[in-house]
């Protein structure tokens, strides 16, 4: 099975005798599935399961084939055009691999990338343009900070970052003490933005870090729920101290496991 055969399957699904659900779909109706499949790929990567990664990449690929088929039906472009466009772009934007350009570091690659985009007529008024507004906020903040860092707008050492974080937390505490809702929201945003900056500075993806913490929270909370069920009780019948003790057990169980 290859990509051409997958495109034929998609054509059959959208054909006259195809699947009613697939035939009804539009570009707009499929948008949520692109997002969902992308996150399922990320989850599979976090689980470090090659089989799941393979399956989820297939689901994501199918969404690309689906969108390409819709475009072909509208007389706009085909799946072959999509592949041709990205292949030519990658060759054009990597002259240090496919040409004779001399680029030695990742920073030089990124700088060269921006220069090539200018020759393609993609000059932007701001280096911050082009980061999708629809990205999750943590990821968008990281991308914007990384763009600014390319031109030297960045922190020089980690101690400065931590000092700024302390400053932002103090400002949040001040607004919290005043019970100022607007001020608390504003300062909490600054704290989160600073945490993203720290994550970027130390090479951690904040979206990945938070997603993993959420999975950890779910696992530990499920331990509490199962322990309560085994004792014939509901969570509402347990004290906070009892639930905290079970939470600590879950942490130890994971550590020893």
Protein backbone atom coordinates (compact mmCIF):
# COMPACT_ATOMS: atom_id res chain seq x y z
CA UNK A 1 0.00 0.00 0.00
CA UNK A 2 1.36 3.43 -0.93
CA UNK A 3 0.15 7.02 -0.92
CA UNK A 4 -1.39 6.74 -4.38
CA UNK A 5 -3.49 3.78 -3.27
CA UNK A 6 -4.58 5.67 -0.15
CA UNK A 7 -5.71 8.54 -2.39
CA UNK A 8 -7.76 6.04 -4.42
CA UNK A 9 -9.44 4.79 -1.23
CA UNK A 10 -10.31 8.38 -0.37
CA UNK A 11 -11.71 8.95 -3.86
CA UNK A 12 -13.89 5.84 -3.47
CA UNK A 13 -15.18 7.01 -0.08
CA UNK A 14 -16.14 10.36 -1.61
CA UNK A 15 -17.46 8.76 -4.82
CA UNK A 16 -21.05 8.26 -5.94
CA UNK A 17 -21.31 4.88 -4.23
CA UNK A 18 -19.07 5.85 -1.34
CA UNK A 19 -19.65 6.45 2.36
CA UNK A 20 -22.53 8.87 3.15
CA UNK A 21 -20.60 10.41 6.06
CA UNK A 22 -17.41 10.97 4.05
CA UNK A 23 -19.40 12.44 1.16
CA UNK A 24 -21.03 14.98 3.47
CA UNK A 25 -17.79 16.35 4.91
CA UNK A 26 -16.41 19.79 4.03
CA UNK A 27 -13.13 21.56 4.74
CA UNK A 28 -14.75 23.30 7.68
CA UNK A 29 -16.39 20.20 9.17
CA UNK A 30 -13.05 18.37 9.16
CA UNK A 31 -11.11 21.08 11.01
CA UNK A 32 -11.72 19.59 14.50
CA UNK A 33 -10.47 16.19 13.31
CA UNK A 34 -7.14 17.66 12.16
CA UNK A 35 -6.60 19.10 15.63
CA UNK A 36 -7.76 15.92 17.38
CA UNK A 37 -5.56 13.64 15.28
CA UNK A 38 -2.55 15.90 15.83
CA UNK A 39 -2.94 15.66 19.58
CA UNK A 40 -3.40 11.91 19.42
CA UNK A 41 -0.03 11.73 17.66
CA UNK A 42 1.50 13.75 20.51
CA UNK A 43 -0.10 11.46 23.08
CA UNK A 44 1.29 8.38 21.32
CA UNK A 45 4.75 9.98 21.29
CA UNK A 46 4.47 10.66 25.04
CA UNK A 47 3.53 7.01 25.56
CA UNK A 48 6.66 5.99 23.61
CA UNK A 49 4.63 3.40 21.72
CA UNK A 50 5.87 2.88 18.14
CA UNK A 51 2.70 0.98 17.23
CA UNK A 52 0.45 3.78 18.47
CA UNK A 53 2.62 6.43 16.83
CA UNK A 54 2.38 4.56 13.53
CA UNK A 55 -1.40 4.30 13.79
CA UNK A 56 -1.95 7.91 14.82
CA UNK A 57 0.37 9.22 12.10
CA UNK A 58 -1.78 7.26 9.65
CA UNK A 59 -4.93 8.93 10.98
CA UNK A 60 -3.31 12.35 10.63
CA UNK A 61 -2.10 11.53 7.12
CA UNK A 62 -5.63 10.52 6.19
CA UNK A 63 -6.86 13.99 7.15
CA UNK A 64 -4.32 15.50 4.73
CA UNK A 65 -5.48 13.13 2.00
CA UNK A 66 -9.10 14.01 2.83
CA UNK A 67 -8.49 17.76 2.53
CA UNK A 68 -6.55 17.25 -0.69
CA UNK A 69 -9.41 15.22 -2.19
CA UNK A 70 -11.90 17.98 -1.39
CA UNK A 71 -9.59 20.51 -3.05
CA UNK A 72 -9.28 18.28 -6.13
CA UNK A 73 -13.06 18.04 -6.40
CA UNK A 74 -13.18 21.84 -6.32
CA UNK A 75 -10.59 22.05 -9.08
CA UNK A 76 -8.01 23.75 -6.85
CA UNK A 77 -5.12 21.31 -6.36
CA UNK A 78 -4.37 17.61 -5.90
CA UNK A 79 -2.48 15.51 -3.38
CA UNK A 80 0.38 15.35 -5.87
CA UNK A 81 0.47 19.16 -5.90
CA UNK A 82 0.69 19.18 -2.09
CA UNK A 83 3.62 16.77 -2.12
CA UNK A 84 5.33 18.63 -4.97
CA UNK A 85 4.96 21.98 -3.20
CA UNK A 86 6.47 20.84 0.11
CA UNK A 87 9.28 18.91 -1.62
CA UNK A 88 10.32 21.95 -3.65
CA UNK A 89 10.06 24.20 -0.59
CA UNK A 90 12.32 21.94 1.51
CA UNK A 91 14.94 21.78 -1.25
CA UNK A 92 14.78 25.54 -1.78
CA UNK A 93 15.04 26.35 1.92
CA UNK A 94 17.94 23.96 2.58
CA UNK A 95 20.65 25.18 0.18
CA UNK A 96 23.25 24.01 2.72
CA UNK A 97 22.05 20.44 2.04
CA UNK A 98 20.92 20.53 -1.58
CA UNK A 99 23.11 23.42 -2.78
CA UNK A 100 26.44 25.04 -2.01
CA UNK A 101 25.48 27.33 0.88
CA UNK A 102 27.72 27.14 3.96
CA UNK A 103 25.61 26.95 7.13
CA UNK A 104 27.05 25.32 10.26
CA UNK A 105 24.73 26.00 13.21
CA UNK A 106 20.98 25.82 13.90
CA UNK A 107 20.92 29.58 14.48
CA UNK A 108 22.48 30.15 11.05
CA UNK A 109 19.93 27.78 9.51
CA UNK A 110 17.04 29.79 10.98
CA UNK A 111 18.54 33.09 9.86
CA UNK A 112 19.07 31.70 6.36
CA UNK A 113 15.51 30.36 6.37
CA UNK A 114 14.14 33.86 6.99
CA UNK A 115 16.26 35.33 4.20
CA UNK A 116 15.04 32.70 1.75
CA UNK A 117 11.43 33.41 2.70
CA UNK A 118 12.03 37.07 1.79
CA UNK A 119 13.09 36.04 -1.73
CA UNK A 120 9.83 34.08 -1.97
CA UNK A 121 7.89 37.28 -1.45
CA UNK A 122 7.01 36.37 2.13
CA UNK A 123 8.53 39.44 3.73
CA UNK A 124 6.71 40.28 6.96
CA UNK A 125 6.32 43.63 8.67
CA UNK A 126 7.21 41.94 11.97
CA UNK A 127 9.27 38.89 12.82
CA UNK A 128 6.39 37.86 15.09
CA UNK A 129 3.99 37.47 12.17
CA UNK A 130 3.18 33.98 10.94
CA UNK A 131 2.68 32.32 14.35
CA UNK A 132 -0.91 30.99 14.13
CA UNK A 133 -3.37 32.60 16.53
CA UNK A 134 -5.13 29.25 16.86
CA UNK A 135 -2.14 27.55 18.52
CA UNK A 136 -2.58 26.62 22.19
CA UNK A 137 -1.51 29.64 24.24
CA UNK A 138 1.54 28.00 25.84
CA UNK A 139 2.88 26.87 22.48
CA UNK A 140 2.09 30.21 20.83
CA UNK A 141 3.89 32.09 23.61
CA UNK A 142 6.93 29.84 23.16
CA UNK A 143 6.97 30.37 19.38
CA UNK A 144 6.69 34.14 19.72
CA UNK A 145 9.48 34.25 22.31
CA UNK A 146 11.67 32.08 20.09
CA UNK A 147 11.08 34.45 17.15
CA UNK A 148 12.15 37.43 19.25
CA UNK A 149 15.20 35.52 20.51
CA UNK A 150 16.41 35.04 16.92
CA UNK A 151 17.26 38.75 16.73
CA UNK A 152 18.87 38.84 20.17
CA UNK A 153 15.84 39.82 22.27
CA UNK A 154 16.48 37.17 24.89
CA UNK A 155 17.72 36.60 28.42
CA UNK A 156 21.45 36.20 28.92
CA UNK A 157 21.47 33.90 31.94
CA UNK A 158 19.04 31.73 33.92
CA UNK A 159 19.47 33.74 37.13
CA UNK A 160 17.87 36.74 35.41
CA UNK A 161 14.93 34.61 34.36
CA UNK A 162 14.34 33.33 37.88
CA UNK A 163 14.62 36.84 39.33
CA UNK A 164 12.00 38.07 36.84
CA UNK A 165 9.73 35.15 37.74
CA UNK A 166 10.00 36.09 41.44
CA UNK A 167 9.11 39.66 40.49
CA UNK A 168 6.04 38.58 38.52
CA UNK A 169 4.88 36.28 41.35
CA UNK A 170 5.21 39.16 43.84
CA UNK A 171 3.09 41.36 41.58
CA UNK A 172 0.48 38.60 41.35
CA UNK A 173 0.46 38.19 45.14
CA UNK A 174 -0.12 41.93 45.50
CA UNK A 175 -3.18 41.85 43.22
CA UNK A 176 -4.36 38.65 44.92
CA UNK A 177 -4.19 40.39 48.27
CA UNK A 178 -6.33 43.22 46.91
CA UNK A 179 -8.85 40.71 45.45
CA UNK A 180 -8.54 42.65 42.21
CA UNK A 181 -9.89 40.23 39.58
CA UNK A 182 -8.65 42.15 36.55
CA UNK A 183 -5.25 42.69 38.14
CA UNK A 184 -4.97 39.03 39.15
CA UNK A 185 -5.75 37.90 35.61
CA UNK A 186 -3.18 40.31 34.15
CA UNK A 187 -0.41 39.34 36.56
CA UNK A 188 -1.17 35.62 36.33
CA UNK A 189 -0.76 35.95 32.57
CA UNK A 190 2.66 37.54 33.15
CA UNK A 191 3.64 34.65 35.45
CA UNK A 192 2.58 32.06 32.87
CA UNK A 193 4.40 33.92 30.09
CA UNK A 194 7.53 34.01 32.24
CA UNK A 195 7.28 30.28 32.95
CA UNK A 196 7.11 29.67 29.20
CA UNK A 197 10.22 31.81 28.79
CA UNK A 198 12.04 29.69 31.36
CA UNK A 199 10.89 26.48 29.66
CA UNK A 200 12.16 27.73 26.29
CA UNK A 201 15.46 28.85 27.83
CA UNK A 202 16.14 25.40 29.32
CA UNK A 203 14.92 23.55 26.21
CA UNK A 204 11.61 22.23 27.56
CA UNK A 205 8.39 22.39 25.54
CA UNK A 206 5.85 23.89 28.00
CA UNK A 207 2.90 22.34 26.17
CA UNK A 208 4.49 18.89 26.51
CA UNK A 209 5.41 19.51 30.15
CA UNK A 210 1.87 20.54 31.09
CA UNK A 211 0.31 17.68 29.11
CA UNK A 212 2.52 15.17 30.93
CA UNK A 213 1.63 16.71 34.29
CA UNK A 214 -2.07 16.44 33.41
CA UNK A 215 -1.60 12.73 32.61
CA UNK A 216 0.23 12.31 35.92
CA UNK A 217 -2.62 14.05 37.76
CA UNK A 218 -5.20 11.79 36.10
CA UNK A 219 -3.21 8.66 36.99
CA UNK A 220 -2.81 9.65 40.65
CA UNK A 221 -6.41 10.77 41.03
CA UNK A 222 -7.60 7.49 39.51
CA UNK A 223 -5.54 5.71 42.18
CA UNK A 224 -7.49 7.59 44.86
CA UNK A 225 -10.80 6.71 43.18
CA UNK A 226 -9.92 3.02 42.94
CA UNK A 227 -8.66 2.90 46.53
CA UNK A 228 -11.91 4.47 47.71
CA UNK A 229 -13.98 2.00 45.68
CA UNK A 230 -12.02 -0.95 47.10
CA UNK A 231 -12.85 0.22 50.61
CA UNK A 232 -16.53 0.60 49.71
CA UNK A 233 -16.53 4.38 50.03
CA UNK A 234 -17.06 7.36 47.75
CA UNK A 235 -14.65 10.29 47.50
CA UNK A 236 -17.21 12.56 49.12
CA UNK A 237 -17.08 10.31 52.19
CA UNK A 238 -13.32 10.69 52.51
CA UNK A 239 -11.50 13.54 54.21
CA UNK A 240 -8.96 15.66 52.40
CA UNK A 241 -6.25 14.21 54.66
CA UNK A 242 -7.20 10.68 53.59
CA UNK A 243 -7.14 11.63 49.92
CA UNK A 244 -3.77 13.35 50.37
CA UNK A 245 -2.37 10.19 51.96
CA UNK A 246 -3.56 8.12 48.98
CA UNK A 247 -2.09 10.73 46.63
CA UNK A 248 1.29 10.26 48.32
CA UNK A 249 0.91 6.48 47.98
CA UNK A 250 0.27 6.91 44.24
CA UNK A 251 3.45 8.99 43.93
CA UNK A 252 5.49 6.34 45.76
CA UNK A 253 3.93 3.52 43.72
CA UNK A 254 4.89 5.28 40.47
CA UNK A 255 8.41 5.98 41.76
CA UNK A 256 9.03 2.38 42.81
CA UNK A 257 7.38 1.05 39.65
